[in-house]
Amino acid sequence: MTSPRMTHPLAGIDYAHQCRDWEETPYTKALGDALESLFDREVHDLDGIVAGLNDAGVAPPDGGRWTAGRFTAEMARLGG
């Protein structure tokens, strides 16, 4: 007997766009792409993410360099 085929509960849902109610900007696109690249390379710790964003040249909205505090504040702002 063959077991029933399971499908992922999010299959067919454009999940990336279900989490926000605002339009993507060049900044949020660049930030998202940089984060995705870091996660693909198994970088998951805060210090590694901050260093990786700085190395990638994606600046925080107010310019300058990322810090742990800036990153967590920005994720809270974007996650609103």
PDB file of N, CA and C in Angstrom:
ATOM      1  N   MET A   1       0.843  -1.175   0.000  1.00  0.00           N
ATOM      2  CA  MET A   1       0.000   0.000   0.000  1.00  0.00           C
ATOM      3  C   MET A   1       0.890   1.239   0.000  1.00  0.00           C
ATOM      4  N   THR A   2       0.551   2.178  -0.811  1.00  0.00           N
ATOM      5  CA  THR A   2       1.311   3.421  -0.917  1.00  0.00           C
ATOM      6  C   THR A   2       0.757   4.450   0.063  1.00  0.00           C
ATOM      7  N   SER A   3       1.682   5.134   0.769  1.00  0.00           N
ATOM      8  CA  SER A   3       1.189   6.164   1.686  1.00  0.00           C
ATOM      9  C   SER A   3       0.779   7.414   0.915  1.00  0.00           C
ATOM     10  N   PRO A   4      -0.168   8.152   1.467  1.00  0.00           N
ATOM     11  CA  PRO A   4      -0.620   9.360   0.785  1.00  0.00           C
ATOM     12  C   PRO A   4       0.504  10.370   0.683  1.00  0.00           C
ATOM     13  N   ARG A   5       0.493  11.108  -0.382  1.00  0.00           N
ATOM     14  CA  ARG A   5       1.510  12.120  -0.616  1.00  0.00           C
ATOM     15  C   ARG A   5       1.187  13.352   0.209  1.00  0.00           C
ATOM     16  N   MET A   6       2.169  13.796   0.970  1.00  0.00           N
ATOM     17  CA  MET A   6       2.002  14.986   1.795  1.00  0.00           C
ATOM     18  C   MET A   6       2.452  16.216   1.010  1.00  0.00           C
ATOM     19  N   THR A   7       1.788  17.304   1.221  1.00  0.00           N
ATOM     20  CA  THR A   7       2.227  18.567   0.629  1.00  0.00           C
ATOM     21  C   THR A   7       2.546  19.533   1.753  1.00  0.00           C
ATOM     22  N   HIS A   8       3.456  20.396   1.480  1.00  0.00           N
ATOM     23  CA  HIS A   8       3.841  21.404   2.474  1.00  0.00           C
ATOM     24  C   HIS A   8       2.659  22.339   2.696  1.00  0.00           C
ATOM     25  N   PRO A   9       2.396  22.725   3.963  1.00  0.00           N
ATOM     26  CA  PRO A   9       1.231  23.577   4.239  1.00  0.00           C
ATOM     27  C   PRO A   9       1.295  24.937   3.560  1.00  0.00           C
ATOM     28  N   LEU A  10       2.498  25.378   3.165  1.00  0.00           N
ATOM     29  CA  LEU A  10       2.617  26.677   2.504  1.00  0.00           C
ATOM     30  C   LEU A  10       2.741  26.549   0.988  1.00  0.00           C
ATOM     31  N   ALA A  11       2.597  25.349   0.461  1.00  0.00           N
ATOM     32  CA  ALA A  11       2.720  25.148  -0.978  1.00  0.00           C
ATOM     33  C   ALA A  11       1.708  26.016  -1.713  1.00  0.00           C
ATOM     34  N   GLY A  12       2.178  26.714  -2.713  1.00  0.00           N
ATOM     35  CA  GLY A  12       1.302  27.551  -3.524  1.00  0.00           C
ATOM     36  C   GLY A  12       1.036  28.930  -2.954  1.00  0.00           C
ATOM     37  N   ILE A  13       1.590  29.235  -1.803  1.00  0.00           N
ATOM     38  CA  ILE A  13       1.393  30.554  -1.205  1.00  0.00           C
ATOM     39  C   ILE A  13       2.642  31.393  -1.442  1.00  0.00           C
ATOM     40  N   ASP A  14       2.455  32.624  -1.869  1.00  0.00           N
ATOM     41  CA  ASP A  14       3.568  33.543  -2.051  1.00  0.00           C
ATOM     42  C   ASP A  14       3.940  34.072  -0.672  1.00  0.00           C
ATOM     43  N   TYR A  15       4.551  33.213   0.131  1.00  0.00           N
ATOM     44  CA  TYR A  15       4.781  33.486   1.551  1.00  0.00           C
ATOM     45  C   TYR A  15       5.580  34.753   1.784  1.00  0.00           C
ATOM     46  N   ALA A  16       6.563  35.012   0.953  1.00  0.00           N
ATOM     47  CA  ALA A  16       7.402  36.192   1.172  1.00  0.00           C
ATOM     48  C   ALA A  16       6.585  37.471   1.185  1.00  0.00           C
ATOM     49  N   HIS A  17       5.506  37.488   0.453  1.00  0.00           N
ATOM     50  CA  HIS A  17       4.697  38.703   0.378  1.00  0.00           C
ATOM     51  C   HIS A  17       3.496  38.665   1.310  1.00  0.00           C
ATOM     52  N   GLN A  18       3.329  37.597   2.046  1.00  0.00           N
ATOM     53  CA  GLN A  18       2.226  37.507   2.990  1.00  0.00           C
ATOM     54  C   GLN A  18       2.594  38.130   4.335  1.00  0.00           C
ATOM     55  N   CYS A  19       3.872  38.359   4.559  1.00  0.00           N
ATOM     56  CA  CYS A  19       4.344  38.822   5.870  1.00  0.00           C
ATOM     57  C   CYS A  19       4.439  40.326   5.976  1.00  0.00           C
ATOM     58  N   ARG A  20       4.235  41.047   4.912  1.00  0.00           N
ATOM     59  CA  ARG A  20       4.378  42.501   4.971  1.00  0.00           C
ATOM     60  C   ARG A  20       3.219  43.172   4.269  1.00  0.00           C
ATOM     61  N   ASP A  21       2.957  44.388   4.687  1.00  0.00           N
ATOM     62  CA  ASP A  21       1.869  45.143   4.066  1.00  0.00           C
ATOM     63  C   ASP A  21       2.391  46.420   3.421  1.00  0.00           C
ATOM     64  N   TRP A  22       3.646  46.388   2.976  1.00  0.00           N
ATOM     65  CA  TRP A  22       4.262  47.531   2.332  1.00  0.00           C
ATOM     66  C   TRP A  22       5.007  47.065   1.093  1.00  0.00           C
ATOM     67  N   GLU A  23       5.252  47.994   0.200  1.00  0.00           N
ATOM     68  CA  GLU A  23       5.951  47.659  -1.045  1.00  0.00           C
ATOM     69  C   GLU A  23       7.455  47.557  -0.805  1.00  0.00           C
ATOM     70  N   GLU A  24       8.060  46.601  -1.443  1.00  0.00           N
ATOM     71  CA  GLU A  24       9.501  46.427  -1.352  1.00  0.00           C
ATOM     72  C   GLU A  24      10.207  47.614  -2.005  1.00  0.00           C
ATOM     73  N   THR A  25      11.311  48.057  -1.402  1.00  0.00           N
ATOM     74  CA  THR A  25      12.118  49.153  -1.936  1.00  0.00           C
ATOM     75  C   THR A  25      13.475  48.597  -2.354  1.00  0.00           C
ATOM     76  N   PRO A  26      14.270  49.376  -3.076  1.00  0.00           N
ATOM     77  CA  PRO A  26      15.620  48.895  -3.403  1.00  0.00           C
ATOM     78  C   PRO A  26      16.422  48.532  -2.141  1.00  0.00           C
ATOM     79  N   TYR A  27      16.234  49.299  -1.062  1.00  0.00           N
ATOM     80  CA  TYR A  27      16.929  49.009   0.197  1.00  0.00           C
ATOM     81  C   TYR A  27      16.475  47.668   0.774  1.00  0.00           C
ATOM     82  N   THR A  28      15.165  47.443   0.889  1.00  0.00           N
ATOM     83  CA  THR A  28      14.695  46.192   1.494  1.00  0.00           C
ATOM     84  C   THR A  28      15.035  45.006   0.607  1.00  0.00           C
ATOM     85  N   LYS A  29      15.054  45.195  -0.696  1.00  0.00           N
ATOM     86  CA  LYS A  29      15.447  44.132  -1.617  1.00  0.00           C
ATOM     87  C   LYS A  29      16.917  43.771  -1.403  1.00  0.00           C
ATOM     88  N   ALA A  30      17.787  44.790  -1.333  1.00  0.00           N
ATOM     89  CA  ALA A  30      19.214  44.539  -1.128  1.00  0.00           C
ATOM     90  C   ALA A  30      19.457  43.885   0.231  1.00  0.00           C
ATOM     91  N   LEU A  31      18.758  44.354   1.254  1.00  0.00           N
ATOM     92  CA  LEU A  31      18.904  43.781   2.590  1.00  0.00           C
ATOM     93  C   LEU A  31      18.447  42.319   2.592  1.00  0.00           C
ATOM     94  N   GLY A  32      17.309  42.056   1.999  1.00  0.00           N
ATOM     95  CA  GLY A  32      16.798  40.687   1.924  1.00  0.00           C
ATOM     96  C   GLY A  32      17.718  39.769   1.152  1.00  0.00           C
ATOM     97  N   ASP A  33      18.236  40.253   0.033  1.00  0.00           N
ATOM     98  CA  ASP A  33      19.162  39.436  -0.768  1.00  0.00           C
ATOM     99  C   ASP A  33      20.437  39.129   0.022  1.00  0.00           C
ATOM    100  N   ALA A  34      20.954  40.142   0.731  1.00  0.00           N
ATOM    101  CA  ALA A  34      22.171  39.928   1.520  1.00  0.00           C
ATOM    102  C   ALA A  34      21.919  38.941   2.656  1.00  0.00           C
ATOM    103  N   LEU A  35      20.782  39.065   3.330  1.00  0.00           N
ATOM    104  CA  LEU A  35      20.457  38.127   4.409  1.00  0.00           C
ATOM    105  C   LEU A  35      20.286  36.710   3.872  1.00  0.00           C
ATOM    106  N   GLU A  36      19.609  36.579   2.745  1.00  0.00           N
ATOM    107  CA  GLU A  36      19.426  35.258   2.148  1.00  0.00           C
ATOM    108  C   GLU A  36      20.774  34.631   1.802  1.00  0.00           C
ATOM    109  N   SER A  37      21.691  35.428   1.274  1.00  0.00           N
ATOM    110  CA  SER A  37      23.024  34.929   0.945  1.00  0.00           C
ATOM    111  C   SER A  37      23.758  34.468   2.196  1.00  0.00           C
ATOM    112  N   LEU A  38      23.640  35.236   3.277  1.00  0.00           N
ATOM    113  CA  LEU A  38      24.288  34.840   4.530  1.00  0.00           C
ATOM    114  C   LEU A  38      23.699  33.540   5.062  1.00  0.00           C
ATOM    115  N   PHE A  39      22.389  33.422   5.049  1.00  0.00           N
ATOM    116  CA  PHE A  39      21.737  32.205   5.540  1.00  0.00           C
ATOM    117  C   PHE A  39      22.116  30.998   4.682  1.00  0.00           C
ATOM    118  N   ASP A  40      22.232  31.216   3.366  1.00  0.00           N
ATOM    119  CA  ASP A  40      22.662  30.133   2.472  1.00  0.00           C
ATOM    120  C   ASP A  40      24.060  29.632   2.829  1.00  0.00           C
ATOM    121  N   ARG A  41      24.883  30.517   3.375  1.00  0.00           N
ATOM    122  CA  ARG A  41      26.248  30.152   3.782  1.00  0.00           C
ATOM    123  C   ARG A  41      26.300  29.722   5.244  1.00  0.00           C
ATOM    124  N   GLU A  42      25.107  29.443   5.822  1.00  0.00           N
ATOM    125  CA  GLU A  42      25.003  28.953   7.200  1.00  0.00           C
ATOM    126  C   GLU A  42      25.435  29.975   8.250  1.00  0.00           C
ATOM    127  N   VAL A  43      25.331  31.272   7.919  1.00  0.00           N
ATOM    128  CA  VAL A  43      25.603  32.320   8.899  1.00  0.00           C
ATOM    129  C   VAL A  43      24.271  32.628   9.575  1.00  0.00           C
ATOM    130  N   HIS A  44      24.177  32.325  10.871  1.00  0.00           N
ATOM    131  CA  HIS A  44      22.922  32.506  11.593  1.00  0.00           C
ATOM    132  C   HIS A  44      23.085  33.289  12.890  1.00  0.00           C
ATOM    133  N   ASP A  45      24.317  33.521  13.323  1.00  0.00           N
ATOM    134  CA  ASP A  45      24.520  34.240  14.582  1.00  0.00           C
ATOM    135  C   ASP A  45      24.531  35.752  14.326  1.00  0.00           C
ATOM    136  N   LEU A  46      24.120  36.510  15.320  1.00  0.00           N
ATOM    137  CA  LEU A  46      23.971  37.958  15.166  1.00  0.00           C
ATOM    138  C   LEU A  46      25.269  38.632  14.747  1.00  0.00           C
ATOM    139  N   ASP A  47      26.374  38.283  15.395  1.00  0.00           N
ATOM    140  CA  ASP A  47      27.649  38.900  15.037  1.00  0.00           C
ATOM    141  C   ASP A  47      28.042  38.585  13.594  1.00  0.00           C
ATOM    142  N   GLY A  48      27.807  37.353  13.161  1.00  0.00           N
ATOM    143  CA  GLY A  48      28.112  36.973  11.786  1.00  0.00           C
ATOM    144  C   GLY A  48      27.234  37.704  10.775  1.00  0.00           C
ATOM    145  N   ILE A  49      25.969  37.877  11.117  1.00  0.00           N
ATOM    146  CA  ILE A  49      25.049  38.597  10.220  1.00  0.00           C
ATOM    147  C   ILE A  49      25.472  40.050  10.099  1.00  0.00           C
ATOM    148  N   VAL A  50      25.770  40.680  11.217  1.00  0.00           N
ATOM    149  CA  VAL A  50      26.193  42.086  11.213  1.00  0.00           C
ATOM    150  C   VAL A  50      27.469  42.242  10.385  1.00  0.00           C
ATOM    151  N   ALA A  51      28.450  41.384  10.617  1.00  0.00           N
ATOM    152  CA  ALA A  51      29.702  41.451   9.850  1.00  0.00           C
ATOM    153  C   ALA A  51      29.442  41.207   8.368  1.00  0.00           C
ATOM    154  N   GLY A  52      28.591  40.239   8.064  1.00  0.00           N
ATOM    155  CA  GLY A  52      28.291  39.927   6.672  1.00  0.00           C
ATOM    156  C   GLY A  52      27.594  41.063   5.943  1.00  0.00           C
ATOM    157  N   LEU A  53      26.665  41.735   6.621  1.00  0.00           N
ATOM    158  CA  LEU A  53      25.994  42.886   5.994  1.00  0.00           C
ATOM    159  C   LEU A  53      26.986  44.013   5.738  1.00  0.00           C
ATOM    160  N   ASN A  54      27.866  44.258   6.703  1.00  0.00           N
ATOM    161  CA  ASN A  54      28.881  45.296   6.505  1.00  0.00           C
ATOM    162  C   ASN A  54      29.812  44.932   5.362  1.00  0.00           C
ATOM    163  N   ASP A  55      30.211  43.665   5.283  1.00  0.00           N
ATOM    164  CA  ASP A  55      31.091  43.215   4.194  1.00  0.00           C
ATOM    165  C   ASP A  55      30.395  43.304   2.840  1.00  0.00           C
ATOM    166  N   ALA A  56      29.075  43.080   2.830  1.00  0.00           N
ATOM    167  CA  ALA A  56      28.317  43.115   1.571  1.00  0.00           C
ATOM    168  C   ALA A  56      28.048  44.544   1.106  1.00  0.00           C
ATOM    169  N   GLY A  57      28.292  45.511   1.967  1.00  0.00           N
ATOM    170  CA  GLY A  57      28.084  46.910   1.576  1.00  0.00           C
ATOM    171  C   GLY A  57      26.645  47.374   1.640  1.00  0.00           C
ATOM    172  N   VAL A  58      25.802  46.627   2.337  1.00  0.00           N
ATOM    173  CA  VAL A  58      24.405  47.044   2.511  1.00  0.00           C
ATOM    174  C   VAL A  58      24.344  47.853   3.803  1.00  0.00           C
ATOM    175  N   ALA A  59      24.197  49.168   3.681  1.00  0.00           N
ATOM    176  CA  ALA A  59      24.211  50.046   4.852  1.00  0.00           C
ATOM    177  C   ALA A  59      22.828  50.132   5.489  1.00  0.00           C
ATOM    178  N   PRO A  60      22.788  50.411   6.786  1.00  0.00           N
ATOM    179  CA  PRO A  60      21.500  50.651   7.432  1.00  0.00           C
ATOM    180  C   PRO A  60      20.852  51.914   6.849  1.00  0.00           C
ATOM    181  N   PRO A  61      19.570  52.122   7.089  1.00  0.00           N
ATOM    182  CA  PRO A  61      18.876  53.263   6.482  1.00  0.00           C
ATOM    183  C   PRO A  61      19.519  54.615   6.774  1.00  0.00           C
ATOM    184  N   ASP A  62      20.118  54.759   7.943  1.00  0.00           N
ATOM    185  CA  ASP A  62      20.739  56.047   8.282  1.00  0.00           C
ATOM    186  C   ASP A  62      22.205  56.109   7.867  1.00  0.00           C
ATOM    187  N   GLY A  63      22.661  55.131   7.091  1.00  0.00           N
ATOM    188  CA  GLY A  63      24.049  55.092   6.652  1.00  0.00           C
ATOM    189  C   GLY A  63      24.931  54.473   7.719  1.00  0.00           C
ATOM    190  N   GLY A  64      26.213  54.579   7.526  1.00  0.00           N
ATOM    191  CA  GLY A  64      27.139  54.032   8.511  1.00  0.00           C
ATOM    192  C   GLY A  64      27.266  52.531   8.391  1.00  0.00           C
ATOM    193  N   ARG A  65      27.589  51.910   9.500  1.00  0.00           N
ATOM    194  CA  ARG A  65      27.790  50.467   9.531  1.00  0.00           C
ATOM    195  C   ARG A  65      26.771  49.823  10.453  1.00  0.00           C
ATOM    196  N   TRP A  66      26.493  48.561  10.175  1.00  0.00           N
ATOM    197  CA  TRP A  66      25.586  47.803  11.023  1.00  0.00           C
ATOM    198  C   TRP A  66      26.250  47.510  12.358  1.00  0.00           C
ATOM    199  N   THR A  67      25.453  47.533  13.403  1.00  0.00           N
ATOM    200  CA  THR A  67      25.824  47.034  14.724  1.00  0.00           C
ATOM    201  C   THR A  67      24.716  46.071  15.126  1.00  0.00           C
ATOM    202  N   ALA A  68      24.947  45.315  16.188  1.00  0.00           N
ATOM    203  CA  ALA A  68      23.907  44.396  16.659  1.00  0.00           C
ATOM    204  C   ALA A  68      22.641  45.178  17.016  1.00  0.00           C
ATOM    205  N   GLY A  69      22.797  46.300  17.676  1.00  0.00           N
ATOM    206  CA  GLY A  69      21.637  47.112  18.058  1.00  0.00           C
ATOM    207  C   GLY A  69      20.892  47.667  16.868  1.00  0.00           C
ATOM    208  N   ARG A  70      21.623  48.167  15.878  1.00  0.00           N
ATOM    209  CA  ARG A  70      20.972  48.691  14.673  1.00  0.00           C
ATOM    210  C   ARG A  70      20.208  47.583  13.938  1.00  0.00           C
ATOM    211  N   PHE A  71      20.849  46.413  13.844  1.00  0.00           N
ATOM    212  CA  PHE A  71      20.211  45.321  13.113  1.00  0.00           C
ATOM    213  C   PHE A  71      18.923  44.879  13.802  1.00  0.00           C
ATOM    214  N   THR A  72      18.966  44.659  15.104  1.00  0.00           N
ATOM    215  CA  THR A  72      17.771  44.200  15.798  1.00  0.00           C
ATOM    216  C   THR A  72      16.669  45.258  15.761  1.00  0.00           C
ATOM    217  N   ALA A  73      17.040  46.534  15.867  1.00  0.00           N
ATOM    218  CA  ALA A  73      16.045  47.614  15.769  1.00  0.00           C
ATOM    219  C   ALA A  73      15.426  47.657  14.376  1.00  0.00           C
ATOM    220  N   GLU A  74      16.230  47.458  13.351  1.00  0.00           N
ATOM    221  CA  GLU A  74      15.720  47.504  11.973  1.00  0.00           C
ATOM    222  C   GLU A  74      14.815  46.309  11.691  1.00  0.00           C
ATOM    223  N   MET A  75      15.173  45.139  12.209  1.00  0.00           N
ATOM    224  CA  MET A  75      14.307  43.975  12.012  1.00  0.00           C
ATOM    225  C   MET A  75      12.959  44.195  12.732  1.00  0.00           C
ATOM    226  N   ALA A  76      12.999  44.812  13.895  1.00  0.00           N
ATOM    227  CA  ALA A  76      11.752  45.119  14.624  1.00  0.00           C
ATOM    228  C   ALA A  76      10.927  46.145  13.840  1.00  0.00           C
ATOM    229  N   ARG A  77      11.588  47.148  13.276  1.00  0.00           N
ATOM    230  CA  ARG A  77      10.880  48.165  12.497  1.00  0.00           C
ATOM    231  C   ARG A  77      10.236  47.559  11.254  1.00  0.00           C
ATOM    232  N   LEU A  78      11.008  46.763  10.523  1.00  0.00           N
ATOM    233  CA  LEU A  78      10.484  46.161   9.299  1.00  0.00           C
ATOM    234  C   LEU A  78       9.405  45.118   9.579  1.00  0.00           C
ATOM    235  N   GLY A  79       9.549  44.435  10.709  1.00  0.00           N
ATOM    236  CA  GLY A  79       8.555  43.422  11.079  1.00  0.00           C
ATOM    237  C   GLY A  79       7.297  44.021  11.663  1.00  0.00           C
ATOM    238  N   GLY A  80       7.400  45.300  12.026  1.00  0.00           N
ATOM    239  CA  GLY A  80       6.346  46.129  12.567  1.00  0.00           C
ATOM    240  C   GLY A  80       5.183  45.471  13.089  1.00  0.00           C
TER     241      GLY A  80
END
